[in-house]
């Protein structure tokens, strides 16, 4: 897999992960920007919503590192930094991630330095992350607007997952079971946006972080 050589590393990245006090200190140094954390079940439409938000020049998208293989149409360095498991573990040991987690056998990590740079510039730093990672950040005291994207109902979620045509039936069932578990965690977020209508959902999220329609 390519691209890992281009992943930025903070000069002061000596910790494996932020503790609560470190998280508060990191955010106290970057007061002008705002972090927008978006997560939700597979098939909720969170990725599509994030793509719409990224059209705004005031929004900086967080490019995470992952050990999973690229999907059709994904570009290394734009959608993810695709790295080997060995390289991922090396980055984690150097403290390059704010958080990292394993999801369906693949590892994902949020890089520290790009976030700090964007917030210093006063941008909205958009982080699309799994529920496990989002709640980890929240527990660490990392300030931000935490938004859970929910499907209208689970029948619609099933329809979306099957309609992708990328997963075997057993994988779809596994994703649906995980979606049920994730849905129960929605109460821990600052906001829940139901994605029944894409444009309406995007407008709701934009309003939550003060991005007036252009």
N, C-alpha and C. Protein backbone atom coordinates (compact mmCIF):
# COMPACT_ATOMS: atom_id res chain seq x y z
N UNK A 1 0.84 -1.19 0.00
CA UNK A 1 0.00 0.00 0.00
C UNK A 1 0.88 1.24 0.00
N UNK A 2 0.38 2.35 -0.57
CA UNK A 2 1.20 3.51 -0.81
C UNK A 2 0.86 4.63 0.15
N UNK A 3 1.64 5.70 0.10
CA UNK A 3 1.29 6.95 0.73
C UNK A 3 1.78 7.15 2.14
N UNK A 4 2.25 6.11 2.82
CA UNK A 4 2.58 6.30 4.23
C UNK A 4 3.78 7.20 4.43
N UNK A 5 4.61 7.32 3.44
CA UNK A 5 5.78 8.18 3.61
C UNK A 5 5.38 9.65 3.68
N UNK A 6 4.16 9.99 3.19
CA UNK A 6 3.75 11.38 3.15
C UNK A 6 2.97 11.78 4.39
N UNK A 7 2.69 10.89 5.30
CA UNK A 7 1.93 11.23 6.48
C UNK A 7 2.73 12.18 7.36
N UNK A 8 2.15 13.36 7.70
CA UNK A 8 2.88 14.31 8.52
C UNK A 8 3.02 13.82 9.95
N UNK A 9 4.14 14.14 10.57
CA UNK A 9 4.37 13.81 11.97
C UNK A 9 4.65 15.08 12.75
N UNK A 10 3.98 15.24 13.87
CA UNK A 10 4.24 16.40 14.71
C UNK A 10 5.64 16.30 15.30
N UNK A 11 6.32 17.43 15.36
CA UNK A 11 7.68 17.41 15.90
C UNK A 11 7.69 16.99 17.36
N UNK A 12 6.61 17.30 18.06
CA UNK A 12 6.56 16.99 19.48
C UNK A 12 5.77 15.74 19.78
N UNK A 13 5.59 14.90 18.77
CA UNK A 13 4.74 13.71 18.95
C UNK A 13 5.50 12.64 19.71
N UNK A 14 5.47 12.72 21.02
CA UNK A 14 6.18 11.74 21.83
C UNK A 14 5.25 10.90 22.67
N UNK A 15 3.93 11.21 22.63
CA UNK A 15 2.96 10.46 23.43
C UNK A 15 2.17 9.54 22.52
N UNK A 16 1.76 8.41 23.05
CA UNK A 16 0.99 7.45 22.27
C UNK A 16 -0.42 7.94 22.06
N UNK A 17 -0.98 8.68 23.03
CA UNK A 17 -2.36 9.17 22.89
C UNK A 17 -2.57 10.27 23.91
N UNK A 18 -3.47 11.19 23.62
CA UNK A 18 -3.76 12.26 24.55
C UNK A 18 -4.39 11.73 25.82
N UNK A 19 -3.95 12.21 26.96
CA UNK A 19 -4.72 11.98 28.17
C UNK A 19 -5.64 13.17 28.32
N UNK A 20 -6.53 13.18 29.28
CA UNK A 20 -7.51 14.25 29.41
C UNK A 20 -6.83 15.61 29.53
N UNK A 21 -5.81 15.73 30.36
CA UNK A 21 -5.18 17.02 30.54
C UNK A 21 -4.47 17.46 29.27
N UNK A 22 -3.86 16.52 28.56
CA UNK A 22 -3.18 16.88 27.32
C UNK A 22 -4.19 17.36 26.29
N UNK A 23 -5.35 16.72 26.23
CA UNK A 23 -6.38 17.11 25.28
C UNK A 23 -6.85 18.52 25.54
N UNK A 24 -7.04 18.90 26.83
CA UNK A 24 -7.49 20.23 27.16
C UNK A 24 -6.43 21.25 26.79
N UNK A 25 -5.16 20.91 27.02
CA UNK A 25 -4.08 21.82 26.70
C UNK A 25 -3.97 22.02 25.20
N UNK A 26 -4.10 20.93 24.42
CA UNK A 26 -3.98 21.03 22.97
C UNK A 26 -5.04 21.96 22.43
N UNK A 27 -6.28 21.85 22.94
CA UNK A 27 -7.35 22.67 22.43
C UNK A 27 -7.23 24.10 22.92
N UNK A 28 -6.64 24.33 24.10
CA UNK A 28 -6.50 25.69 24.61
C UNK A 28 -5.55 26.51 23.75
N UNK A 29 -4.65 25.83 23.03
CA UNK A 29 -3.71 26.53 22.16
C UNK A 29 -4.30 26.80 20.78
N UNK A 30 -5.48 26.31 20.48
CA UNK A 30 -6.06 26.42 19.14
C UNK A 30 -7.52 26.82 19.29
N UNK A 31 -7.75 28.09 19.70
CA UNK A 31 -9.09 28.51 20.07
C UNK A 31 -9.92 29.02 18.90
N UNK A 32 -9.31 29.39 17.78
CA UNK A 32 -10.05 30.08 16.75
C UNK A 32 -10.86 29.14 15.87
N UNK A 33 -10.39 27.92 15.65
CA UNK A 33 -11.11 26.99 14.80
C UNK A 33 -12.13 26.17 15.57
N UNK A 34 -12.76 25.25 14.86
CA UNK A 34 -13.77 24.40 15.46
C UNK A 34 -13.68 23.01 14.84
N UNK A 35 -13.68 22.00 15.68
CA UNK A 35 -13.65 20.64 15.17
C UNK A 35 -15.06 20.09 15.07
N UNK A 36 -15.38 19.52 13.92
CA UNK A 36 -16.67 18.89 13.68
C UNK A 36 -16.45 17.40 13.54
N UNK A 37 -16.96 16.64 14.48
CA UNK A 37 -16.78 15.19 14.50
C UNK A 37 -18.08 14.53 14.06
N UNK A 38 -18.00 13.77 12.97
CA UNK A 38 -19.19 13.12 12.41
C UNK A 38 -18.99 11.62 12.38
N UNK A 39 -19.97 10.90 12.90
CA UNK A 39 -19.93 9.45 12.81
C UNK A 39 -21.35 8.90 12.77
N UNK A 40 -21.43 7.60 12.52
CA UNK A 40 -22.72 6.94 12.39
C UNK A 40 -22.51 5.58 11.77
N UNK A 41 -23.56 4.79 11.69
CA UNK A 41 -23.42 3.43 11.14
C UNK A 41 -23.07 3.43 9.65
N UNK A 42 -22.50 2.33 9.19
CA UNK A 42 -22.29 2.14 7.76
C UNK A 42 -23.64 2.22 7.07
N UNK A 43 -23.73 3.02 6.01
CA UNK A 43 -24.98 3.17 5.28
C UNK A 43 -25.83 4.34 5.75
N UNK A 44 -25.37 5.05 6.77
CA UNK A 44 -26.14 6.20 7.26
C UNK A 44 -26.03 7.40 6.34
N UNK A 45 -25.02 7.40 5.48
CA UNK A 45 -24.81 8.52 4.57
C UNK A 45 -23.82 9.55 5.07
N UNK A 46 -23.08 9.20 6.12
CA UNK A 46 -22.15 10.17 6.70
C UNK A 46 -21.05 10.58 5.73
N UNK A 47 -20.57 9.64 4.92
CA UNK A 47 -19.50 9.97 3.97
C UNK A 47 -20.00 10.93 2.91
N UNK A 48 -21.21 10.72 2.42
CA UNK A 48 -21.79 11.62 1.42
C UNK A 48 -22.00 13.01 2.00
N UNK A 49 -22.46 13.08 3.23
CA UNK A 49 -22.64 14.37 3.90
C UNK A 49 -21.30 15.08 4.03
N UNK A 50 -20.28 14.34 4.42
CA UNK A 50 -18.95 14.94 4.54
C UNK A 50 -18.42 15.45 3.21
N UNK A 51 -18.69 14.75 2.14
CA UNK A 51 -18.27 15.21 0.82
C UNK A 51 -18.92 16.53 0.47
N UNK A 52 -20.18 16.68 0.83
CA UNK A 52 -20.89 17.94 0.59
C UNK A 52 -20.28 19.06 1.43
N UNK A 53 -19.98 18.77 2.68
CA UNK A 53 -19.40 19.78 3.56
C UNK A 53 -18.03 20.22 3.07
N UNK A 54 -17.30 19.31 2.47
CA UNK A 54 -15.94 19.61 2.00
C UNK A 54 -15.93 20.58 0.82
N UNK A 55 -17.09 20.83 0.22
CA UNK A 55 -17.15 21.79 -0.88
C UNK A 55 -16.96 23.23 -0.39
N UNK A 56 -17.12 23.43 0.91
CA UNK A 56 -16.94 24.75 1.52
C UNK A 56 -15.45 24.97 1.80
N UNK A 57 -14.85 26.04 1.28
CA UNK A 57 -13.41 26.27 1.47
C UNK A 57 -13.03 26.51 2.93
N UNK A 58 -14.02 26.78 3.79
CA UNK A 58 -13.73 27.00 5.21
C UNK A 58 -13.60 25.69 5.97
N UNK A 59 -13.84 24.58 5.28
CA UNK A 59 -13.80 23.27 5.92
C UNK A 59 -12.54 22.52 5.50
N UNK A 60 -11.81 22.03 6.47
CA UNK A 60 -10.62 21.22 6.21
C UNK A 60 -10.93 19.79 6.62
N UNK A 61 -10.78 18.86 5.69
CA UNK A 61 -11.13 17.47 5.95
C UNK A 61 -9.96 16.71 6.54
N UNK A 62 -10.24 15.96 7.58
CA UNK A 62 -9.22 15.12 8.21
C UNK A 62 -9.00 13.86 7.38
N UNK A 63 -7.78 13.67 6.92
CA UNK A 63 -7.44 12.47 6.18
C UNK A 63 -6.81 11.48 7.16
N UNK A 64 -7.55 10.43 7.46
CA UNK A 64 -7.09 9.45 8.44
C UNK A 64 -6.15 8.44 7.80
N UNK A 65 -5.41 7.77 8.64
CA UNK A 65 -4.59 6.64 8.19
C UNK A 65 -5.37 5.36 8.43
N UNK A 66 -5.23 4.41 7.52
CA UNK A 66 -5.91 3.13 7.68
C UNK A 66 -5.09 2.00 7.08
N UNK A 67 -5.29 0.81 7.63
CA UNK A 67 -4.60 -0.36 7.10
C UNK A 67 -5.46 -1.12 6.10
N UNK A 68 -6.70 -0.68 5.88
CA UNK A 68 -7.55 -1.41 4.93
C UNK A 68 -7.16 -1.06 3.50
N UNK A 69 -7.55 -1.92 2.56
CA UNK A 69 -7.24 -1.70 1.15
C UNK A 69 -8.14 -0.59 0.59
N UNK A 70 -7.65 0.16 -0.39
CA UNK A 70 -8.47 1.21 -1.01
C UNK A 70 -9.69 0.62 -1.72
N UNK A 71 -10.81 1.32 -1.65
CA UNK A 71 -11.99 0.95 -2.43
C UNK A 71 -11.93 1.63 -3.79
N UNK A 72 -12.75 1.18 -4.70
CA UNK A 72 -12.78 1.75 -6.05
C UNK A 72 -13.04 3.25 -5.97
N UNK A 73 -12.18 4.02 -6.62
CA UNK A 73 -12.36 5.46 -6.66
C UNK A 73 -11.65 6.22 -5.56
N UNK A 74 -11.18 5.51 -4.54
CA UNK A 74 -10.48 6.19 -3.45
C UNK A 74 -9.05 6.51 -3.87
N UNK A 75 -8.58 7.68 -3.42
CA UNK A 75 -7.24 8.15 -3.77
C UNK A 75 -6.41 8.27 -2.51
N UNK A 76 -5.22 7.68 -2.53
CA UNK A 76 -4.31 7.75 -1.40
C UNK A 76 -3.91 9.20 -1.14
N UNK A 77 -4.02 9.64 0.12
CA UNK A 77 -3.68 11.01 0.47
C UNK A 77 -4.84 11.96 0.37
N UNK A 78 -5.89 11.57 -0.33
CA UNK A 78 -7.10 12.40 -0.41
C UNK A 78 -8.20 11.83 0.46
N UNK A 79 -8.46 10.54 0.31
CA UNK A 79 -9.52 9.90 1.10
C UNK A 79 -8.97 9.31 2.39
N UNK A 80 -7.84 8.64 2.27
CA UNK A 80 -7.13 8.06 3.42
C UNK A 80 -5.65 8.02 3.08
N UNK A 81 -4.83 7.87 4.10
CA UNK A 81 -3.46 7.44 3.91
C UNK A 81 -3.48 5.93 4.12
N UNK A 82 -3.24 5.18 3.06
CA UNK A 82 -3.27 3.71 3.15
C UNK A 82 -1.88 3.21 3.53
N UNK A 83 -1.82 2.56 4.68
CA UNK A 83 -0.53 2.15 5.22
C UNK A 83 -0.56 0.68 5.60
N UNK A 84 0.61 0.12 5.75
CA UNK A 84 0.72 -1.25 6.25
C UNK A 84 0.47 -1.26 7.76
N UNK A 85 0.18 -2.44 8.30
CA UNK A 85 -0.04 -2.54 9.74
C UNK A 85 1.24 -2.22 10.51
N UNK A 86 2.36 -2.60 9.94
CA UNK A 86 3.64 -2.30 10.59
C UNK A 86 3.86 -0.80 10.69
N UNK A 87 3.59 -0.08 9.60
CA UNK A 87 3.77 1.37 9.59
C UNK A 87 2.77 2.03 10.55
N UNK A 88 1.55 1.51 10.58
CA UNK A 88 0.53 2.07 11.47
C UNK A 88 0.98 1.96 12.93
N UNK A 89 1.48 0.79 13.29
CA UNK A 89 1.94 0.60 14.67
C UNK A 89 3.11 1.53 15.00
N UNK A 90 3.95 1.75 14.00
CA UNK A 90 5.09 2.65 14.19
C UNK A 90 4.60 4.07 14.47
N UNK A 91 3.62 4.54 13.67
CA UNK A 91 3.07 5.87 13.87
C UNK A 91 2.41 6.00 15.24
N UNK A 92 1.69 4.94 15.64
CA UNK A 92 1.02 4.96 16.94
C UNK A 92 2.04 5.08 18.07
N UNK A 93 3.14 4.36 17.95
CA UNK A 93 4.17 4.40 19.00
C UNK A 93 4.85 5.75 19.07
N UNK A 94 4.84 6.50 17.95
CA UNK A 94 5.45 7.84 17.91
C UNK A 94 4.50 8.93 18.40
N UNK A 95 3.26 8.57 18.70
CA UNK A 95 2.29 9.55 19.17
C UNK A 95 1.70 10.40 18.07
N UNK A 96 1.71 9.90 16.83
CA UNK A 96 1.21 10.68 15.71
C UNK A 96 -0.31 10.75 15.66
N UNK A 97 -1.01 9.89 16.40
CA UNK A 97 -2.47 9.86 16.36
C UNK A 97 -3.08 10.49 17.60
N UNK A 98 -4.18 11.21 17.40
CA UNK A 98 -4.99 11.65 18.53
C UNK A 98 -5.70 10.45 19.13
N UNK A 99 -6.21 9.61 18.23
CA UNK A 99 -6.85 8.37 18.64
C UNK A 99 -6.67 7.36 17.52
N UNK A 100 -6.79 6.09 17.87
CA UNK A 100 -6.81 5.06 16.84
C UNK A 100 -7.60 3.87 17.36
N UNK A 101 -8.17 3.13 16.42
CA UNK A 101 -9.05 2.02 16.80
C UNK A 101 -9.04 0.97 15.70
N UNK A 102 -9.47 -0.23 16.06
CA UNK A 102 -9.60 -1.31 15.10
C UNK A 102 -11.07 -1.53 14.80
N UNK A 103 -11.43 -1.56 13.51
CA UNK A 103 -12.81 -1.74 13.08
C UNK A 103 -12.85 -2.81 12.00
N UNK A 104 -13.58 -3.89 12.25
CA UNK A 104 -13.69 -5.00 11.29
C UNK A 104 -12.32 -5.49 10.83
N UNK A 105 -11.38 -5.55 11.77
CA UNK A 105 -10.06 -6.09 11.46
C UNK A 105 -9.08 -5.12 10.85
N UNK A 106 -9.52 -3.88 10.58
CA UNK A 106 -8.64 -2.86 10.03
C UNK A 106 -8.43 -1.75 11.06
N UNK A 107 -7.26 -1.12 11.01
CA UNK A 107 -6.95 -0.06 11.95
C UNK A 107 -7.12 1.31 11.30
N UNK A 108 -7.64 2.24 12.08
CA UNK A 108 -7.86 3.61 11.63
C UNK A 108 -7.28 4.56 12.67
N UNK A 109 -6.67 5.64 12.21
CA UNK A 109 -6.10 6.60 13.16
C UNK A 109 -6.27 8.02 12.68
N UNK A 110 -6.52 8.94 13.63
CA UNK A 110 -6.67 10.36 13.35
C UNK A 110 -5.36 11.06 13.65
N UNK A 111 -4.79 11.70 12.65
CA UNK A 111 -3.49 12.35 12.79
C UNK A 111 -3.59 13.66 13.56
N UNK A 112 -2.66 13.89 14.45
CA UNK A 112 -2.69 15.04 15.36
C UNK A 112 -2.33 16.36 14.69
N UNK A 113 -1.23 16.39 13.96
CA UNK A 113 -0.68 17.65 13.47
C UNK A 113 -1.61 18.40 12.52
N UNK A 114 -2.25 17.74 11.52
CA UNK A 114 -3.15 18.49 10.63
C UNK A 114 -4.31 19.15 11.37
N UNK A 115 -4.84 18.48 12.41
CA UNK A 115 -5.92 19.06 13.20
C UNK A 115 -5.46 20.35 13.87
N UNK A 116 -4.31 20.30 14.54
CA UNK A 116 -3.83 21.47 15.26
C UNK A 116 -3.57 22.63 14.30
N UNK A 117 -3.02 22.33 13.11
CA UNK A 117 -2.75 23.38 12.12
C UNK A 117 -4.04 24.04 11.64
N UNK A 118 -5.06 23.22 11.34
CA UNK A 118 -6.33 23.75 10.83
C UNK A 118 -7.02 24.63 11.87
N UNK A 119 -7.01 24.20 13.12
CA UNK A 119 -7.66 24.99 14.16
C UNK A 119 -6.94 26.31 14.40
N UNK A 120 -5.64 26.30 14.28
CA UNK A 120 -4.90 27.56 14.41
C UNK A 120 -5.26 28.54 13.30
N UNK A 121 -5.59 28.00 12.13
CA UNK A 121 -5.98 28.85 10.99
C UNK A 121 -7.43 29.30 11.08
N UNK A 122 -8.18 28.81 12.07
CA UNK A 122 -9.57 29.21 12.22
C UNK A 122 -10.53 28.45 11.33
N UNK A 123 -10.13 27.30 10.83
CA UNK A 123 -10.99 26.51 9.95
C UNK A 123 -11.89 25.57 10.74
N UNK A 124 -12.91 25.07 10.07
CA UNK A 124 -13.71 23.97 10.62
C UNK A 124 -12.99 22.69 10.23
N UNK A 125 -12.53 21.96 11.21
CA UNK A 125 -11.79 20.73 10.93
C UNK A 125 -12.77 19.57 10.99
N UNK A 126 -13.02 18.97 9.83
CA UNK A 126 -14.03 17.93 9.69
C UNK A 126 -13.41 16.55 9.86
N UNK A 127 -13.91 15.85 10.85
CA UNK A 127 -13.40 14.52 11.16
C UNK A 127 -14.52 13.49 11.03
N UNK A 128 -14.42 12.65 10.01
CA UNK A 128 -15.36 11.53 9.85
C UNK A 128 -14.72 10.31 10.50
N UNK A 129 -15.37 9.80 11.51
CA UNK A 129 -14.74 8.78 12.33
C UNK A 129 -15.78 7.79 12.82
N UNK A 130 -15.35 6.58 13.14
CA UNK A 130 -16.28 5.58 13.65
C UNK A 130 -16.72 5.96 15.07
N UNK A 131 -17.81 5.35 15.52
CA UNK A 131 -18.39 5.69 16.82
C UNK A 131 -17.39 5.44 17.94
N UNK A 132 -16.66 4.35 17.87
CA UNK A 132 -15.67 4.03 18.90
C UNK A 132 -14.64 5.14 19.04
N UNK A 133 -14.15 5.62 17.91
CA UNK A 133 -13.14 6.68 17.93
C UNK A 133 -13.70 8.00 18.41
N UNK A 134 -14.92 8.33 17.99
CA UNK A 134 -15.54 9.60 18.40
C UNK A 134 -15.74 9.65 19.91
N UNK A 135 -16.22 8.55 20.47
CA UNK A 135 -16.45 8.52 21.91
C UNK A 135 -15.13 8.52 22.69
N UNK A 136 -14.11 7.96 22.07
CA UNK A 136 -12.78 8.00 22.69
C UNK A 136 -12.30 9.45 22.78
N UNK A 137 -12.48 10.21 21.69
CA UNK A 137 -12.09 11.61 21.69
C UNK A 137 -12.86 12.40 22.74
N UNK A 138 -14.16 12.15 22.79
CA UNK A 138 -15.01 12.86 23.75
C UNK A 138 -14.57 12.55 25.18
N UNK A 139 -14.26 11.30 25.44
CA UNK A 139 -13.83 10.90 26.79
C UNK A 139 -12.50 11.54 27.16
N UNK A 140 -11.67 11.83 26.15
CA UNK A 140 -10.37 12.45 26.38
C UNK A 140 -10.49 13.96 26.59
N UNK A 141 -11.70 14.49 26.44
CA UNK A 141 -11.90 15.92 26.63
C UNK A 141 -11.52 16.76 25.43
N UNK A 142 -11.46 16.17 24.23
CA UNK A 142 -11.14 16.93 23.03
C UNK A 142 -12.37 17.71 22.60
N UNK A 143 -12.27 19.03 22.59
CA UNK A 143 -13.41 19.89 22.30
C UNK A 143 -13.82 19.78 20.84
N UNK A 144 -15.11 19.85 20.59
CA UNK A 144 -15.62 19.79 19.23
C UNK A 144 -17.14 19.71 19.24
N UNK A 145 -17.71 19.72 18.06
CA UNK A 145 -19.14 19.50 17.89
C UNK A 145 -19.31 18.07 17.40
N UNK A 146 -19.90 17.22 18.22
CA UNK A 146 -20.01 15.79 17.93
C UNK A 146 -21.41 15.50 17.38
N UNK A 147 -21.46 15.01 16.14
CA UNK A 147 -22.74 14.80 15.44
C UNK A 147 -22.86 13.34 15.02
N UNK A 148 -23.96 12.74 15.41
CA UNK A 148 -24.26 11.36 15.01
C UNK A 148 -25.24 11.39 13.84
N UNK A 149 -24.88 10.75 12.73
CA UNK A 149 -25.75 10.66 11.57
C UNK A 149 -26.53 9.35 11.65
N UNK A 150 -27.84 9.45 11.69
CA UNK A 150 -28.70 8.27 11.83
C UNK A 150 -29.51 8.04 10.56
N UNK A 151 -29.76 6.79 10.21
CA UNK A 151 -30.66 6.49 9.10
C UNK A 151 -32.10 6.72 9.54
N UNK A 152 -33.03 6.86 8.59
CA UNK A 152 -34.44 7.04 8.97
C UNK A 152 -34.97 5.86 9.76
N UNK A 153 -34.57 4.64 9.37
CA UNK A 153 -34.95 3.42 10.08
C UNK A 153 -34.02 2.31 9.60
N UNK A 154 -34.12 1.16 10.24
CA UNK A 154 -33.18 0.08 9.93
C UNK A 154 -33.52 -0.66 8.64
N UNK A 155 -34.76 -0.59 8.20
CA UNK A 155 -35.10 -1.17 6.90
C UNK A 155 -34.45 -0.38 5.77
N UNK A 156 -34.46 0.94 5.93
CA UNK A 156 -33.79 1.78 4.94
C UNK A 156 -32.29 1.56 4.98
N UNK A 157 -31.75 1.36 6.17
CA UNK A 157 -30.32 1.10 6.29
C UNK A 157 -29.96 -0.20 5.58
N UNK A 158 -30.77 -1.22 5.76
CA UNK A 158 -30.53 -2.49 5.08
C UNK A 158 -30.58 -2.30 3.56
N UNK A 159 -31.56 -1.54 3.10
CA UNK A 159 -31.69 -1.30 1.66
C UNK A 159 -30.43 -0.62 1.11
N UNK A 160 -29.92 0.35 1.85
CA UNK A 160 -28.72 1.07 1.40
C UNK A 160 -27.50 0.15 1.35
N UNK A 161 -27.33 -0.65 2.39
CA UNK A 161 -26.17 -1.54 2.44
C UNK A 161 -26.21 -2.59 1.34
N UNK A 162 -27.38 -3.17 1.13
CA UNK A 162 -27.53 -4.17 0.06
C UNK A 162 -27.32 -3.50 -1.30
N UNK A 163 -27.84 -2.27 -1.43
CA UNK A 163 -27.74 -1.55 -2.70
C UNK A 163 -26.33 -1.18 -3.10
N UNK A 164 -25.44 -1.13 -2.15
CA UNK A 164 -24.04 -0.85 -2.49
C UNK A 164 -23.46 -1.92 -3.40
N UNK A 165 -23.84 -3.17 -3.12
CA UNK A 165 -23.34 -4.29 -3.92
C UNK A 165 -21.88 -4.60 -3.67
N UNK A 166 -21.33 -4.14 -2.55
CA UNK A 166 -19.91 -4.35 -2.28
C UNK A 166 -19.67 -5.40 -1.20
N UNK A 167 -20.70 -5.77 -0.46
CA UNK A 167 -20.53 -6.68 0.67
C UNK A 167 -21.32 -7.97 0.50
N UNK A 168 -20.73 -9.06 0.94
CA UNK A 168 -21.45 -10.34 0.96
C UNK A 168 -22.59 -10.25 1.98
N UNK A 169 -23.63 -11.10 1.83
CA UNK A 169 -24.78 -11.05 2.75
C UNK A 169 -24.39 -11.15 4.21
N UNK A 170 -23.41 -11.98 4.53
CA UNK A 170 -23.02 -12.12 5.93
C UNK A 170 -22.35 -10.85 6.46
N UNK A 171 -21.67 -10.13 5.56
CA UNK A 171 -21.05 -8.87 5.97
C UNK A 171 -22.12 -7.81 6.22
N UNK A 172 -23.13 -7.80 5.36
CA UNK A 172 -24.25 -6.87 5.55
C UNK A 172 -24.91 -7.10 6.91
N UNK A 173 -25.13 -8.36 7.25
CA UNK A 173 -25.75 -8.67 8.54
C UNK A 173 -24.86 -8.23 9.70
N UNK A 174 -23.57 -8.40 9.53
CA UNK A 174 -22.65 -7.98 10.57
C UNK A 174 -22.67 -6.47 10.74
N UNK A 175 -22.75 -5.75 9.63
CA UNK A 175 -22.82 -4.29 9.70
C UNK A 175 -24.13 -3.83 10.35
N UNK A 176 -25.22 -4.53 10.06
CA UNK A 176 -26.50 -4.17 10.66
C UNK A 176 -26.48 -4.39 12.17
N UNK A 177 -25.87 -5.48 12.58
CA UNK A 177 -25.78 -5.74 14.02
C UNK A 177 -24.94 -4.66 14.70
N UNK A 178 -23.82 -4.29 14.07
CA UNK A 178 -22.98 -3.24 14.63
C UNK A 178 -23.73 -1.91 14.65
N UNK A 179 -24.55 -1.67 13.61
CA UNK A 179 -25.32 -0.42 13.54
C UNK A 179 -26.27 -0.31 14.73
N UNK A 180 -26.86 -1.42 15.14
CA UNK A 180 -27.75 -1.40 16.30
C UNK A 180 -26.99 -0.99 17.56
N UNK A 181 -25.79 -1.53 17.71
CA UNK A 181 -24.97 -1.18 18.87
C UNK A 181 -24.57 0.29 18.83
N UNK A 182 -24.20 0.76 17.64
CA UNK A 182 -23.78 2.16 17.50
C UNK A 182 -24.94 3.11 17.73
N UNK A 183 -26.11 2.73 17.27
CA UNK A 183 -27.29 3.58 17.41
C UNK A 183 -27.60 3.86 18.88
N UNK A 184 -27.34 2.90 19.72
CA UNK A 184 -27.59 3.08 21.15
C UNK A 184 -26.65 4.13 21.76
N UNK A 185 -25.54 4.37 21.09
CA UNK A 185 -24.57 5.33 21.61
C UNK A 185 -24.88 6.78 21.19
N UNK A 186 -25.91 6.97 20.39
CA UNK A 186 -26.21 8.30 19.86
C UNK A 186 -26.46 9.33 20.97
N UNK A 187 -26.93 8.87 22.13
CA UNK A 187 -27.25 9.79 23.22
C UNK A 187 -26.00 10.45 23.80
N UNK A 188 -24.84 9.92 23.48
CA UNK A 188 -23.59 10.48 23.99
C UNK A 188 -23.05 11.61 23.11
N UNK A 189 -23.71 11.85 21.99
CA UNK A 189 -23.30 12.90 21.06
C UNK A 189 -23.99 14.21 21.40
N UNK A 190 -23.44 15.31 20.89
CA UNK A 190 -24.05 16.62 21.09
C UNK A 190 -25.33 16.76 20.27
N UNK A 191 -25.33 16.16 19.08
CA UNK A 191 -26.47 16.30 18.18
C UNK A 191 -26.68 14.99 17.40
N UNK A 192 -27.94 14.72 17.05
CA UNK A 192 -28.28 13.60 16.17
C UNK A 192 -29.01 14.17 14.96
N UNK A 193 -28.51 13.86 13.78
CA UNK A 193 -29.13 14.31 12.53
C UNK A 193 -29.61 13.08 11.78
N UNK A 194 -30.90 13.03 11.49
CA UNK A 194 -31.48 11.90 10.76
C UNK A 194 -31.37 12.19 9.26
N UNK A 195 -30.69 11.32 8.56
CA UNK A 195 -30.45 11.51 7.13
C UNK A 195 -31.54 10.81 6.31
N UNK A 196 -32.71 11.44 6.29
CA UNK A 196 -33.79 10.96 5.43
C UNK A 196 -33.75 11.68 4.09
N UNK A 197 -33.31 12.94 4.14
CA UNK A 197 -33.16 13.76 2.93
C UNK A 197 -31.76 14.37 2.98
N UNK A 198 -30.95 14.08 1.98
CA UNK A 198 -29.54 14.45 2.02
C UNK A 198 -29.34 15.95 2.18
N UNK A 199 -29.98 16.75 1.33
CA UNK A 199 -29.75 18.19 1.37
C UNK A 199 -30.18 18.79 2.71
N UNK A 200 -31.26 18.29 3.25
CA UNK A 200 -31.72 18.78 4.54
C UNK A 200 -30.74 18.41 5.64
N UNK A 201 -30.22 17.18 5.58
CA UNK A 201 -29.25 16.74 6.59
C UNK A 201 -27.97 17.58 6.52
N UNK A 202 -27.51 17.86 5.30
CA UNK A 202 -26.30 18.68 5.14
C UNK A 202 -26.54 20.08 5.71
N UNK A 203 -27.70 20.66 5.43
CA UNK A 203 -28.03 21.99 5.94
C UNK A 203 -28.05 22.00 7.47
N UNK A 204 -28.57 20.94 8.07
CA UNK A 204 -28.61 20.85 9.53
C UNK A 204 -27.21 20.83 10.11
N UNK A 205 -26.35 20.04 9.52
CA UNK A 205 -24.98 19.93 10.04
C UNK A 205 -24.24 21.26 9.86
N UNK A 206 -24.42 21.89 8.71
CA UNK A 206 -23.77 23.18 8.46
C UNK A 206 -24.19 24.21 9.51
N UNK A 207 -25.47 24.22 9.84
CA UNK A 207 -25.98 25.17 10.82
C UNK A 207 -25.36 24.93 12.21
N UNK A 208 -25.08 23.69 12.52
CA UNK A 208 -24.55 23.36 13.84
C UNK A 208 -23.16 23.93 14.09
N UNK A 209 -22.42 24.18 13.02
CA UNK A 209 -21.05 24.72 13.17
C UNK A 209 -20.94 26.14 12.61
N UNK A 210 -22.08 26.78 12.37
CA UNK A 210 -22.06 28.18 11.96
C UNK A 210 -21.64 28.43 10.54
N UNK A 211 -21.83 27.45 9.68
CA UNK A 211 -21.50 27.63 8.26
C UNK A 211 -22.78 28.01 7.52
N UNK A 212 -23.03 29.31 7.41
CA UNK A 212 -24.22 29.78 6.71
C UNK A 212 -24.17 29.36 5.25
N UNK A 213 -25.35 29.06 4.69
CA UNK A 213 -25.42 28.67 3.28
C UNK A 213 -24.85 29.77 2.40
N UNK A 214 -24.04 29.35 1.44
CA UNK A 214 -23.37 30.36 0.56
C UNK A 214 -24.21 30.57 -0.70
